[in-house]
Amino acid sequence: MSNWYYLMAQLPSFSIEQSAKIPVTQEYVTELCSRFLDKKTFFTLKNISLEPPVEITKTGSALLDAWYSKERYLRLALAQIRALKMKKQFKVPVLSFPPDILQVARTATGFENPLEAEMYLVKARIKALESLRPLEEFSSDALFAYVLKLKLTLRLNKFNAEKGKDSYHRIYSKILAQSTGDNT
């Protein structure tokens, strides 16, 4: 317990707001955790991803298993809704989605602006993560929740409207050029 206390006490809190400066990096957290965690927990921490594994596998963490399940459902719901909008076939290996996840997916696909949709999705993911976070502050699941929140916040802070518009226009121009046969 004392190791967990010392580790968690060294992790600063931070805001998810896009304009707020994050007082910690992933590298710092990983290096700090390498001094306090056993090999198995550290291995799990190093392999935390915002993208769930394709194959459903147990991680040894109730929080990570629940997070990956929610994220997998969300990604499938988004893909299904987007496919329906484009009148494309999309086989979903799930018969039905949890209502909260389906609502998030529907809302996200309703945004006209892709940047607003992505920002909404990150905030919805953080809200879902907070609902999974254990009450026990000094545990591996609390640490894993912190790392996921950090990854989501760092992702949110990478969004830039101007760069996004530039990228969109480049991709759009390239698609138009390819469709007209002009491969410049």
Protein backbone atom coordinates (compact mmCIF):
# COMPACT_ATOMS: atom_id res chain seq x y z
CA MET A 1 0.00 0.00 0.00
CA SER A 2 2.80 2.44 0.81
CA ASN A 3 4.34 2.00 -2.66
CA TRP A 4 0.98 2.81 -4.21
CA TYR A 5 0.61 5.88 -2.02
CA TYR A 6 4.05 7.22 -2.96
CA LEU A 7 3.50 6.52 -6.64
CA MET A 8 0.02 8.03 -6.90
CA ALA A 9 1.01 11.04 -4.76
CA GLN A 10 3.67 11.94 -7.34
CA LEU A 11 1.22 12.02 -10.25
CA PRO A 12 -0.13 15.55 -10.72
CA SER A 13 -3.76 16.18 -11.49
CA PHE A 14 -4.58 17.88 -14.79
CA SER A 15 -7.47 19.36 -16.69
CA ILE A 16 -8.91 17.84 -19.84
CA GLU A 17 -9.52 21.28 -21.30
CA GLN A 18 -7.77 21.72 -24.62
CA SER A 19 -6.17 25.02 -23.62
CA ALA A 20 -4.80 23.74 -20.29
CA LYS A 21 -1.14 22.77 -20.04
CA ILE A 22 -0.59 19.16 -19.00
CA PRO A 23 2.04 19.08 -16.22
CA VAL A 24 3.20 15.55 -17.02
CA THR A 25 4.28 13.48 -20.02
CA GLN A 26 3.69 9.83 -20.81
CA GLU A 27 7.45 9.29 -20.63
CA TYR A 28 7.59 10.74 -17.11
CA VAL A 29 4.72 8.55 -15.93
CA THR A 30 6.28 5.43 -17.47
CA GLU A 31 9.68 6.16 -15.94
CA LEU A 32 8.16 6.89 -12.53
CA CYS A 33 6.07 3.71 -12.62
CA SER A 34 9.12 1.63 -13.56
CA ARG A 35 10.49 2.38 -10.07
CA PHE A 36 7.36 1.37 -8.15
CA LEU A 37 5.56 -1.41 -10.03
CA ASP A 38 6.14 -5.13 -10.26
CA LYS A 39 7.01 -6.50 -13.71
CA LYS A 40 3.51 -7.74 -14.54
CA THR A 41 1.76 -4.48 -13.64
CA PHE A 42 4.43 -2.42 -15.41
CA PHE A 43 4.08 -4.59 -18.54
CA THR A 44 0.31 -4.01 -18.49
CA LEU A 45 0.83 -0.27 -18.03
CA LYS A 46 3.28 -0.04 -20.93
CA ASN A 47 0.79 -1.81 -23.21
CA ILE A 48 -2.21 0.41 -22.46
CA SER A 49 -3.64 1.72 -25.70
CA LEU A 50 -6.57 3.88 -26.72
CA GLU A 51 -7.27 1.27 -29.39
CA PRO A 52 -8.73 -1.97 -28.01
CA PRO A 53 -7.20 -5.26 -29.12
CA VAL A 54 -9.01 -6.81 -32.08
CA GLU A 55 -9.36 -10.11 -30.26
CA ILE A 56 -11.08 -9.92 -26.88
CA THR A 57 -8.43 -10.86 -24.33
CA LYS A 58 -8.28 -10.52 -20.58
CA THR A 59 -5.71 -8.00 -19.38
CA GLY A 60 -5.77 -8.93 -15.70
CA SER A 61 -7.36 -5.56 -14.92
CA ALA A 62 -11.10 -5.15 -14.42
CA LEU A 63 -10.85 -1.50 -15.45
CA LEU A 64 -8.93 -2.17 -18.67
CA ASP A 65 -11.20 -5.07 -19.63
CA ALA A 66 -14.29 -2.87 -19.15
CA TRP A 67 -12.64 0.08 -20.94
CA TYR A 68 -11.63 -2.02 -23.96
CA SER A 69 -15.12 -3.52 -24.12
CA LYS A 70 -16.78 -0.08 -24.13
CA GLU A 71 -14.28 1.24 -26.67
CA ARG A 72 -14.79 -1.78 -28.95
CA TYR A 73 -18.58 -1.28 -28.82
CA LEU A 74 -18.18 2.44 -29.55
CA ARG A 75 -15.93 1.86 -32.55
CA LEU A 76 -18.29 -0.76 -33.97
CA ALA A 77 -21.33 1.48 -33.43
CA LEU A 78 -19.55 4.39 -35.14
CA ALA A 79 -18.56 2.17 -38.07
CA GLN A 80 -22.09 0.82 -38.43
CA ILE A 81 -23.70 4.27 -38.37
CA ARG A 82 -21.16 5.68 -40.83
CA ALA A 83 -21.70 2.71 -43.15
CA LEU A 84 -25.47 3.20 -43.04
CA LYS A 85 -25.05 6.89 -43.90
CA MET A 86 -22.94 5.95 -46.92
CA LYS A 87 -25.33 3.12 -47.85
CA LYS A 88 -22.56 0.54 -47.47
CA GLN A 89 -22.68 -2.95 -46.01
CA PHE A 90 -20.98 -3.42 -42.67
CA LYS A 91 -21.16 -6.69 -40.77
CA VAL A 92 -21.22 -6.07 -37.06
CA PRO A 93 -20.26 -9.01 -34.85
CA VAL A 94 -22.56 -7.59 -32.15
CA LEU A 95 -26.32 -8.01 -32.16
CA SER A 96 -27.05 -4.91 -30.09
CA PHE A 97 -25.13 -2.08 -28.51
CA PRO A 98 -25.49 -0.68 -24.99
CA PRO A 99 -27.86 2.33 -25.21
CA ASP A 100 -25.35 4.83 -23.77
CA ILE A 101 -22.73 3.86 -26.35
CA LEU A 102 -25.22 3.97 -29.20
CA GLN A 103 -26.30 7.46 -28.12
CA VAL A 104 -22.69 8.69 -28.07
CA ALA A 105 -22.09 7.23 -31.55
CA ARG A 106 -25.27 8.78 -32.95
CA THR A 107 -24.44 12.18 -31.50
CA ALA A 108 -20.85 12.05 -32.78
CA THR A 109 -21.90 11.13 -36.31
CA GLY A 110 -24.42 13.98 -36.28
CA PHE A 111 -21.73 16.67 -36.13
CA GLU A 112 -21.02 18.43 -39.41
CA ASN A 113 -17.54 19.42 -38.27
CA PRO A 114 -15.17 16.41 -37.86
CA LEU A 115 -13.07 18.30 -35.29
CA GLU A 116 -16.12 18.92 -33.11
CA ALA A 117 -17.09 15.25 -33.45
CA GLU A 118 -13.62 14.10 -32.37
CA MET A 119 -13.58 16.51 -29.43
CA TYR A 120 -17.01 15.27 -28.39
CA LEU A 121 -15.84 11.64 -28.62
CA VAL A 122 -12.74 12.26 -26.50
CA LYS A 123 -14.83 13.98 -23.81
CA ALA A 124 -17.40 11.16 -23.93
CA ARG A 125 -14.59 8.62 -23.55
CA ILE A 126 -13.20 10.47 -20.54
CA LYS A 127 -16.68 10.54 -18.99
CA ALA A 128 -17.01 6.78 -19.58
CA LEU A 129 -13.56 6.23 -18.09
CA GLU A 130 -14.50 8.22 -14.98
CA SER A 131 -17.54 5.97 -14.53
CA LEU A 132 -15.25 2.92 -14.54
CA ARG A 133 -12.60 4.40 -12.24
CA PRO A 134 -12.35 2.53 -8.93
CA LEU A 135 -13.02 4.27 -5.63
CA GLU A 136 -9.72 2.92 -4.31
CA GLU A 137 -7.15 5.59 -5.25
CA PHE A 138 -4.08 3.46 -4.54
CA SER A 139 -4.47 0.54 -6.93
CA SER A 140 -3.36 -0.61 -10.34
CA ASP A 141 -6.80 0.15 -11.80
CA ALA A 142 -6.63 3.75 -10.50
CA LEU A 143 -3.21 4.09 -12.12
CA PHE A 144 -4.45 2.58 -15.39
CA ALA A 145 -7.38 5.04 -15.36
CA TYR A 146 -4.90 7.90 -14.88
CA VAL A 147 -2.80 6.71 -17.83
CA LEU A 148 -5.86 6.36 -20.09
CA LYS A 149 -7.08 9.83 -19.09
CA LEU A 150 -3.61 11.21 -19.83
CA LYS A 151 -3.56 9.56 -23.26
CA LEU A 152 -7.03 10.90 -24.07
CA THR A 153 -6.12 14.41 -22.91
CA LEU A 154 -2.91 14.39 -24.94
CA ARG A 155 -4.95 13.29 -27.96
CA LEU A 156 -7.44 16.11 -27.38
CA ASN A 157 -4.61 18.65 -27.16
CA LYS A 158 -3.24 17.55 -30.55
CA PHE A 159 -6.36 18.73 -32.36
CA ASN A 160 -5.77 21.90 -34.33
CA ALA A 161 -8.50 23.43 -36.48
CA GLU A 162 -6.16 25.08 -38.99
CA LYS A 163 -4.02 21.98 -39.53
CA GLY A 164 -7.19 19.93 -39.84
CA LYS A 165 -8.62 22.22 -42.52
CA ASP A 166 -5.34 22.18 -44.45
CA SER A 167 -5.20 18.39 -44.28
CA TYR A 168 -8.85 18.10 -45.31
CA HIS A 169 -8.32 20.35 -48.34
CA ARG A 170 -5.19 18.41 -49.40
CA ILE A 171 -6.97 15.06 -49.15
CA TYR A 172 -10.09 16.41 -50.87
CA SER A 173 -8.05 17.88 -53.74
CA LYS A 174 -6.18 14.60 -54.13
CA ILE A 175 -9.45 12.64 -54.31
CA LEU A 176 -10.88 15.06 -56.87
CA ALA A 177 -7.72 14.81 -58.96
CA GLN A 178 -7.85 11.00 -58.87
CA SER A 179 -11.53 10.91 -59.79
CA THR A 180 -10.97 13.13 -62.84
CA GLY A 181 -7.92 11.15 -63.90
CA ASP A 182 -5.49 13.99 -63.18
CA ASN A 183 -2.70 12.28 -61.22
CA THR A 184 -0.52 15.29 -60.43
